[in-house]
Amino acid sequence: MGRYLSQGNESFARSVNSEIYVDKTGLIQYTNRVMNTMQSYVCVSRPRRFGKSLAANMLTAYYSKGCDSRELFSKFEISKSKDFEIYRNKYNTISLNIQEFLSRSENIEELISQIKQKEYCRSLEGYRGNILLVGVNYNKKTKEHECVIEEYLME
């Protein structure tokens, strides 16, 4: 089983090192601003192939306790923010690539079942607190998106 809790910043670092990377750290500034407010549930919606995975990797790299991302973010807009050090690398993050399951799922219930069967929550042993699992499924036949959100309390 791979590492899913508090991953490092390697995936985002690869993106930053590419020739076509554009600074999107404004999303981090916005997320920091709405943290601990009623607007704290943020949905990053983009058309296909428009950077949702990149945004997830960026957020993981910034918030994850599993790495030190000061140098990685130092050349971007977020480093000028007064909140840069307050939130950087201070949180346990959970990262699942839902795309991995989409190709093997007919619907969202099957996708969530596969995630549960793989026992990704074992990576959370010892963690106490709320976990929010968000899954998005695109039905190629009906051209519709479905979103299911499940909340778990790790006690």
C-alpha atoms as a PDB file:
ATOM      1  CA  MET A   1       0.000   0.000   0.000  1.00  0.00           C
ATOM      2  CA  GLY A   2       1.238   3.483  -0.830  1.00  0.00           C
ATOM      3  CA  ARG A   3       1.500   6.479   1.436  1.00  0.00           C
ATOM      4  CA  TYR A   4      -1.759   8.409   1.713  1.00  0.00           C
ATOM      5  CA  LEU A   5      -1.445  10.367   4.972  1.00  0.00           C
ATOM      6  CA  SER A   6       0.741  13.491   5.016  1.00  0.00           C
ATOM      7  CA  GLN A   7       2.458  12.928   1.709  1.00  0.00           C
ATOM      8  CA  GLY A   8       5.443  14.936   0.593  1.00  0.00           C
ATOM      9  CA  ASN A   9       5.720  17.584  -2.112  1.00  0.00           C
ATOM     10  CA  GLU A  10       7.328  15.548  -4.917  1.00  0.00           C
ATOM     11  CA  SER A  11       4.320  15.579  -7.269  1.00  0.00           C
ATOM     12  CA  PHE A  12       3.953  19.349  -7.059  1.00  0.00           C
ATOM     13  CA  ALA A  13       7.725  19.860  -7.375  1.00  0.00           C
ATOM     14  CA  ARG A  14       7.668  17.972 -10.717  1.00  0.00           C
ATOM     15  CA  SER A  15       4.944  20.323 -11.977  1.00  0.00           C
ATOM     16  CA  VAL A  16       6.824  23.422 -10.828  1.00  0.00           C
ATOM     17  CA  ASN A  17       9.932  22.258 -12.658  1.00  0.00           C
ATOM     18  CA  SER A  18       8.101  21.971 -15.976  1.00  0.00           C
ATOM     19  CA  GLU A  19       8.425  24.721 -18.563  1.00  0.00           C
ATOM     20  CA  ILE A  20       4.717  25.545 -18.659  1.00  0.00           C
ATOM     21  CA  TYR A  21       3.926  25.916 -14.935  1.00  0.00           C
ATOM     22  CA  VAL A  22       1.856  29.014 -14.066  1.00  0.00           C
ATOM     23  CA  ASP A  23       1.618  30.190 -10.436  1.00  0.00           C
ATOM     24  CA  LYS A  24      -1.771  29.162  -9.011  1.00  0.00           C
ATOM     25  CA  THR A  25      -0.917  29.747  -5.347  1.00  0.00           C
ATOM     26  CA  GLY A  26      -3.732  32.294  -5.130  1.00  0.00           C
ATOM     27  CA  LEU A  27      -5.879  29.234  -4.383  1.00  0.00           C
ATOM     28  CA  ILE A  28      -3.792  28.670  -1.244  1.00  0.00           C
ATOM     29  CA  GLN A  29      -4.259  32.310  -0.203  1.00  0.00           C
ATOM     30  CA  TYR A  30      -8.012  31.940  -0.639  1.00  0.00           C
ATOM     31  CA  THR A  31      -8.077  28.645   1.275  1.00  0.00           C
ATOM     32  CA  ASN A  32      -6.078  30.181   4.125  1.00  0.00           C
ATOM     33  CA  ARG A  33      -8.468  33.126   4.240  1.00  0.00           C
ATOM     34  CA  VAL A  34     -11.616  30.955   4.523  1.00  0.00           C
ATOM     35  CA  MET A  35     -10.117  28.383   6.879  1.00  0.00           C
ATOM     36  CA  ASN A  36     -12.190  28.022  10.054  1.00  0.00           C
ATOM     37  CA  THR A  37     -15.131  29.886   8.512  1.00  0.00           C
ATOM     38  CA  MET A  38     -18.466  28.780   7.067  1.00  0.00           C
ATOM     39  CA  GLN A  39     -16.835  28.963   3.600  1.00  0.00           C
ATOM     40  CA  SER A  40     -14.090  26.485   4.472  1.00  0.00           C
ATOM     41  CA  TYR A  41     -15.408  23.727   2.187  1.00  0.00           C
ATOM     42  CA  VAL A  42     -13.766  24.596  -1.108  1.00  0.00           C
ATOM     43  CA  CYS A  43     -14.669  22.922  -4.386  1.00  0.00           C
ATOM     44  CA  VAL A  44     -12.048  23.165  -7.118  1.00  0.00           C
ATOM     45  CA  SER A  45     -13.974  22.647 -10.327  1.00  0.00           C
ATOM     46  CA  ARG A  46     -12.324  22.885 -13.700  1.00  0.00           C
ATOM     47  CA  PRO A  47     -13.010  21.360 -17.132  1.00  0.00           C
ATOM     48  CA  ARG A  48     -11.262  18.126 -18.047  1.00  0.00           C
ATOM     49  CA  ARG A  49      -7.483  18.449 -18.282  1.00  0.00           C
ATOM     50  CA  PHE A  50      -7.462  21.889 -16.612  1.00  0.00           C
ATOM     51  CA  GLY A  51      -5.407  21.300 -13.494  1.00  0.00           C
ATOM     52  CA  LYS A  52      -7.543  19.723 -10.768  1.00  0.00           C
ATOM     53  CA  SER A  53      -4.808  17.195  -9.936  1.00  0.00           C
ATOM     54  CA  LEU A  54      -2.206  19.955 -10.039  1.00  0.00           C
ATOM     55  CA  ALA A  55      -4.293  21.991  -7.579  1.00  0.00           C
ATOM     56  CA  ALA A  56      -4.658  18.970  -5.276  1.00  0.00           C
ATOM     57  CA  ASN A  57      -0.906  18.296  -5.411  1.00  0.00           C
ATOM     58  CA  MET A  58      -0.181  21.967  -4.693  1.00  0.00           C
ATOM     59  CA  LEU A  59      -2.507  22.025  -1.671  1.00  0.00           C
ATOM     60  CA  THR A  60      -1.009  18.769  -0.374  1.00  0.00           C
ATOM     61  CA  ALA A  61       2.534  20.126  -0.768  1.00  0.00           C
ATOM     62  CA  TYR A  62       1.659  23.338   1.072  1.00  0.00           C
ATOM     63  CA  TYR A  63      -0.365  21.935   3.974  1.00  0.00           C
ATOM     64  CA  SER A  64       1.226  18.504   4.545  1.00  0.00           C
ATOM     65  CA  LYS A  65       3.245  17.800   7.681  1.00  0.00           C
ATOM     66  CA  GLY A  66       5.070  15.187   5.604  1.00  0.00           C
ATOM     67  CA  CYS A  67       7.550  17.671   4.109  1.00  0.00           C
ATOM     68  CA  ASP A  68       9.073  21.132   4.321  1.00  0.00           C
ATOM     69  CA  SER A  69       7.863  23.205   1.388  1.00  0.00           C
ATOM     70  CA  ARG A  70       9.297  26.600   2.306  1.00  0.00           C
ATOM     71  CA  GLU A  71      11.844  26.612  -0.526  1.00  0.00           C
ATOM     72  CA  LEU A  72       9.428  25.117  -3.061  1.00  0.00           C
ATOM     73  CA  PHE A  73       6.886  27.927  -2.532  1.00  0.00           C
ATOM     74  CA  SER A  74       9.383  30.734  -1.880  1.00  0.00           C
ATOM     75  CA  LYS A  75       9.316  32.006  -5.484  1.00  0.00           C
ATOM     76  CA  PHE A  76       5.518  32.165  -5.745  1.00  0.00           C
ATOM     77  CA  GLU A  77       2.899  34.729  -4.738  1.00  0.00           C
ATOM     78  CA  ILE A  78       1.869  32.776  -1.620  1.00  0.00           C
ATOM     79  CA  SER A  79       5.289  33.392  -0.045  1.00  0.00           C
ATOM     80  CA  LYS A  80       4.447  37.117   0.191  1.00  0.00           C
ATOM     81  CA  SER A  81       1.270  36.436   2.157  1.00  0.00           C
ATOM     82  CA  LYS A  82       1.163  37.169   5.903  1.00  0.00           C
ATOM     83  CA  ASP A  83      -0.318  33.685   6.389  1.00  0.00           C
ATOM     84  CA  PHE A  84       2.461  31.857   4.527  1.00  0.00           C
ATOM     85  CA  GLU A  85       4.201  30.473   7.621  1.00  0.00           C
ATOM     86  CA  ILE A  86       1.061  30.124   9.735  1.00  0.00           C
ATOM     87  CA  TYR A  87      -0.429  27.278   7.682  1.00  0.00           C
ATOM     88  CA  ARG A  88       2.549  25.889   5.727  1.00  0.00           C
ATOM     89  CA  ASN A  89       3.216  22.204   6.494  1.00  0.00           C
ATOM     90  CA  LYS A  90       1.074  22.211   9.634  1.00  0.00           C
ATOM     91  CA  TYR A  91      -1.609  19.612   8.793  1.00  0.00           C
ATOM     92  CA  ASN A  92      -2.086  15.925   8.241  1.00  0.00           C
ATOM     93  CA  THR A  93      -3.310  15.602   4.667  1.00  0.00           C
ATOM     94  CA  ILE A  94      -4.997  12.686   2.955  1.00  0.00           C
ATOM     95  CA  SER A  95      -4.380  12.248  -0.733  1.00  0.00           C
ATOM     96  CA  LEU A  96      -6.201   9.726  -2.906  1.00  0.00           C
ATOM     97  CA  ASN A  97      -6.116   9.893  -6.683  1.00  0.00           C
ATOM     98  CA  ILE A  98      -9.771   9.254  -7.496  1.00  0.00           C
ATOM     99  CA  GLN A  99      -8.853   8.918 -11.187  1.00  0.00           C
ATOM    100  CA  GLU A 100      -7.188   5.633 -10.229  1.00  0.00           C
ATOM    101  CA  PHE A 101     -10.611   4.236  -9.333  1.00  0.00           C
ATOM    102  CA  LEU A 102     -12.739   5.871 -12.014  1.00  0.00           C
ATOM    103  CA  SER A 103     -11.545   3.578 -14.784  1.00  0.00           C
ATOM    104  CA  ARG A 104     -12.611   0.542 -12.721  1.00  0.00           C
ATOM    105  CA  SER A 105     -15.994   1.881 -11.549  1.00  0.00           C
ATOM    106  CA  GLU A 106     -19.437   1.957 -13.116  1.00  0.00           C
ATOM    107  CA  ASN A 107     -20.840   4.399 -10.540  1.00  0.00           C
ATOM    108  CA  ILE A 108     -19.899   6.386  -7.452  1.00  0.00           C
ATOM    109  CA  GLU A 109     -21.061   3.694  -5.016  1.00  0.00           C
ATOM    110  CA  GLU A 110     -18.708   1.179  -6.648  1.00  0.00           C
ATOM    111  CA  LEU A 111     -15.872   3.705  -6.531  1.00  0.00           C
ATOM    112  CA  ILE A 112     -16.352   4.320  -2.803  1.00  0.00           C
ATOM    113  CA  SER A 113     -16.622   0.587  -2.190  1.00  0.00           C
ATOM    114  CA  GLN A 114     -13.245   0.039  -3.909  1.00  0.00           C
ATOM    115  CA  ILE A 115     -11.642   2.719  -1.768  1.00  0.00           C
ATOM    116  CA  LYS A 116     -13.052   1.116   1.375  1.00  0.00           C
ATOM    117  CA  GLN A 117     -11.946  -2.383   0.291  1.00  0.00           C
ATOM    118  CA  LYS A 118      -8.367  -1.227  -0.160  1.00  0.00           C
ATOM    119  CA  GLU A 119      -8.448  -0.101   3.477  1.00  0.00           C
ATOM    120  CA  TYR A 120      -6.790   3.260   2.879  1.00  0.00           C
ATOM    121  CA  CYS A 121      -7.992   4.253   6.312  1.00  0.00           C
ATOM    122  CA  ARG A 122      -5.310   1.974   7.778  1.00  0.00           C
ATOM    123  CA  SER A 123      -2.897   4.774   6.933  1.00  0.00           C
ATOM    124  CA  LEU A 124      -4.803   6.835   9.495  1.00  0.00           C
ATOM    125  CA  GLU A 125      -4.186   4.530  12.435  1.00  0.00           C
ATOM    126  CA  GLY A 126      -3.546   6.704  15.438  1.00  0.00           C
ATOM    127  CA  TYR A 127      -5.222   9.755  13.875  1.00  0.00           C
ATOM    128  CA  ARG A 128      -8.147  11.257  15.788  1.00  0.00           C
ATOM    129  CA  GLY A 129     -10.546  13.730  14.220  1.00  0.00           C
ATOM    130  CA  ASN A 130     -12.863  14.303  11.264  1.00  0.00           C
ATOM    131  CA  ILE A 131     -12.102  13.131   7.753  1.00  0.00           C
ATOM    132  CA  LEU A 132     -14.054  14.248   4.712  1.00  0.00           C
ATOM    133  CA  LEU A 133     -14.002  11.970   1.655  1.00  0.00           C
ATOM    134  CA  VAL A 134     -15.136  13.621  -1.558  1.00  0.00           C
ATOM    135  CA  GLY A 135     -15.619  11.610  -4.721  1.00  0.00           C
ATOM    136  CA  VAL A 136     -16.584  12.861  -8.163  1.00  0.00           C
ATOM    137  CA  ASN A 137     -17.752  10.538 -10.898  1.00  0.00           C
ATOM    138  CA  TYR A 138     -18.288  11.415 -14.553  1.00  0.00           C
ATOM    139  CA  ASN A 139     -20.742   9.207 -16.419  1.00  0.00           C
ATOM    140  CA  LYS A 140     -19.582   9.018 -20.047  1.00  0.00           C
ATOM    141  CA  LYS A 141     -22.968   7.787 -21.260  1.00  0.00           C
ATOM    142  CA  THR A 142     -25.160  10.465 -19.672  1.00  0.00           C
ATOM    143  CA  LYS A 143     -22.438  13.159 -19.606  1.00  0.00           C
ATOM    144  CA  GLU A 144     -23.374  13.899 -15.978  1.00  0.00           C
ATOM    145  CA  HIS A 145     -21.188  14.443 -12.927  1.00  0.00           C
ATOM    146  CA  GLU A 146     -22.076  13.019  -9.533  1.00  0.00           C
ATOM    147  CA  CYS A 147     -20.533  14.054  -6.250  1.00  0.00           C
ATOM    148  CA  VAL A 148     -20.721  12.088  -3.015  1.00  0.00           C
ATOM    149  CA  ILE A 149     -19.358  13.397   0.259  1.00  0.00           C
ATOM    150  CA  GLU A 150     -18.899  11.128   3.263  1.00  0.00           C
ATOM    151  CA  GLU A 151     -17.735  12.240   6.669  1.00  0.00           C
ATOM    152  CA  TYR A 152     -15.906   9.928   9.057  1.00  0.00           C
ATOM    153  CA  LEU A 153     -15.000  10.518  12.663  1.00  0.00           C
ATOM    154  CA  MET A 154     -11.829   8.708  13.655  1.00  0.00           C
ATOM    155  CA  GLU A 155     -12.121   7.981  17.373  1.00  0.00           C
END
